[in-house]
Amino acid sequence: MLTLASCHYIEHGDKVILLGPPGVGKTPLAVSLGLKAIEAGYRVLFTSAAQLIATLT
């Protein structure tokens, strides 16, 4: 988690995908990573997979 919080994955163009069953904390984790990225000066978009697919099609 500390590695992800450093935002090095953004600098290197790496992707982060959070997968798991309902209720394990994927959304709070994604929001926390987004806030860290904002603090580091990056722009953030938070969306669902369904919304992303609809936008891309």
C-alpha atoms as a PDB file:
ATOM      1  CA  MET A   1       0.000   0.000   0.000  1.00  0.00           C
ATOM      2  CA  LEU A   2       2.850   2.381   0.747  1.00  0.00           C
ATOM      3  CA  THR A   3       4.232   1.757  -2.732  1.00  0.00           C
ATOM      4  CA  LEU A   4       0.882   2.640  -4.326  1.00  0.00           C
ATOM      5  CA  ALA A   5       0.526   5.714  -2.087  1.00  0.00           C
ATOM      6  CA  SER A   6       3.826   7.030  -3.462  1.00  0.00           C
ATOM      7  CA  CYS A   7       2.179   7.357  -6.934  1.00  0.00           C
ATOM      8  CA  HIS A   8       5.216   5.872  -8.714  1.00  0.00           C
ATOM      9  CA  TYR A   9       2.827   3.723 -10.747  1.00  0.00           C
ATOM     10  CA  ILE A  10       1.494   6.912 -12.341  1.00  0.00           C
ATOM     11  CA  GLU A  11       4.960   8.194 -13.191  1.00  0.00           C
ATOM     12  CA  HIS A  12       5.805   4.869 -14.844  1.00  0.00           C
ATOM     13  CA  GLY A  13       2.483   4.559 -16.700  1.00  0.00           C
ATOM     14  CA  ASP A  14       1.525   1.402 -14.803  1.00  0.00           C
ATOM     15  CA  LYS A  15      -2.093   0.420 -14.225  1.00  0.00           C
ATOM     16  CA  VAL A  16      -3.813  -0.519 -10.974  1.00  0.00           C
ATOM     17  CA  ILE A  17      -6.885  -2.743 -11.094  1.00  0.00           C
ATOM     18  CA  LEU A  18      -8.774  -3.493  -7.904  1.00  0.00           C
ATOM     19  CA  LEU A  19     -10.676  -6.774  -8.100  1.00  0.00           C
ATOM     20  CA  GLY A  20     -12.531  -8.682  -5.432  1.00  0.00           C
ATOM     21  CA  PRO A  21     -15.911  -9.609  -4.051  1.00  0.00           C
ATOM     22  CA  PRO A  22     -18.290  -7.003  -2.641  1.00  0.00           C
ATOM     23  CA  GLY A  23     -17.457  -5.603   0.750  1.00  0.00           C
ATOM     24  CA  VAL A  24     -13.673  -6.018   0.831  1.00  0.00           C
ATOM     25  CA  GLY A  25     -12.836  -2.307   0.537  1.00  0.00           C
ATOM     26  CA  LYS A  26     -12.058  -1.725  -3.140  1.00  0.00           C
ATOM     27  CA  THR A  27     -13.926   1.587  -3.325  1.00  0.00           C
ATOM     28  CA  PRO A  28     -12.372   3.144  -0.200  1.00  0.00           C
ATOM     29  CA  LEU A  29      -8.955   1.999  -1.411  1.00  0.00           C
ATOM     30  CA  ALA A  30      -9.526   3.558  -4.838  1.00  0.00           C
ATOM     31  CA  VAL A  31     -10.705   6.818  -3.272  1.00  0.00           C
ATOM     32  CA  SER A  32      -7.651   6.892  -0.984  1.00  0.00           C
ATOM     33  CA  LEU A  33      -5.288   6.331  -3.917  1.00  0.00           C
ATOM     34  CA  GLY A  34      -7.095   9.037  -5.867  1.00  0.00           C
ATOM     35  CA  LEU A  35      -6.677  11.491  -3.008  1.00  0.00           C
ATOM     36  CA  LYS A  36      -2.961  10.686  -2.775  1.00  0.00           C
ATOM     37  CA  ALA A  37      -2.638  11.291  -6.514  1.00  0.00           C
ATOM     38  CA  ILE A  38      -4.424  14.634  -6.183  1.00  0.00           C
ATOM     39  CA  GLU A  39      -2.074  15.604  -3.341  1.00  0.00           C
ATOM     40  CA  ALA A  40       0.841  14.743  -5.659  1.00  0.00           C
ATOM     41  CA  GLY A  41      -0.547  17.094  -8.335  1.00  0.00           C
ATOM     42  CA  TYR A  42      -2.238  14.591 -10.661  1.00  0.00           C
ATOM     43  CA  ARG A  43      -5.734  14.826 -12.111  1.00  0.00           C
ATOM     44  CA  VAL A  44      -8.068  11.987 -11.109  1.00  0.00           C
ATOM     45  CA  LEU A  45     -11.199  10.453 -12.624  1.00  0.00           C
ATOM     46  CA  PHE A  46     -13.242   8.054 -10.516  1.00  0.00           C
ATOM     47  CA  THR A  47     -15.673   5.913 -12.503  1.00  0.00           C
ATOM     48  CA  SER A  48     -17.124   2.411 -12.568  1.00  0.00           C
ATOM     49  CA  ALA A  49     -16.151  -0.228 -15.106  1.00  0.00           C
ATOM     50  CA  ALA A  50     -19.682  -0.123 -16.568  1.00  0.00           C
ATOM     51  CA  GLN A  51     -19.541   3.652 -16.939  1.00  0.00           C
ATOM     52  CA  LEU A  52     -16.083   3.470 -18.535  1.00  0.00           C
ATOM     53  CA  ILE A  53     -17.270   0.888 -21.102  1.00  0.00           C
ATOM     54  CA  ALA A  54     -20.327   3.011 -21.914  1.00  0.00           C
ATOM     55  CA  THR A  55     -18.106   6.055 -22.449  1.00  0.00           C
ATOM     56  CA  LEU A  56     -15.663   4.161 -24.654  1.00  0.00           C
ATOM     57  CA  THR A  57     -18.403   2.717 -26.863  1.00  0.00           C
END
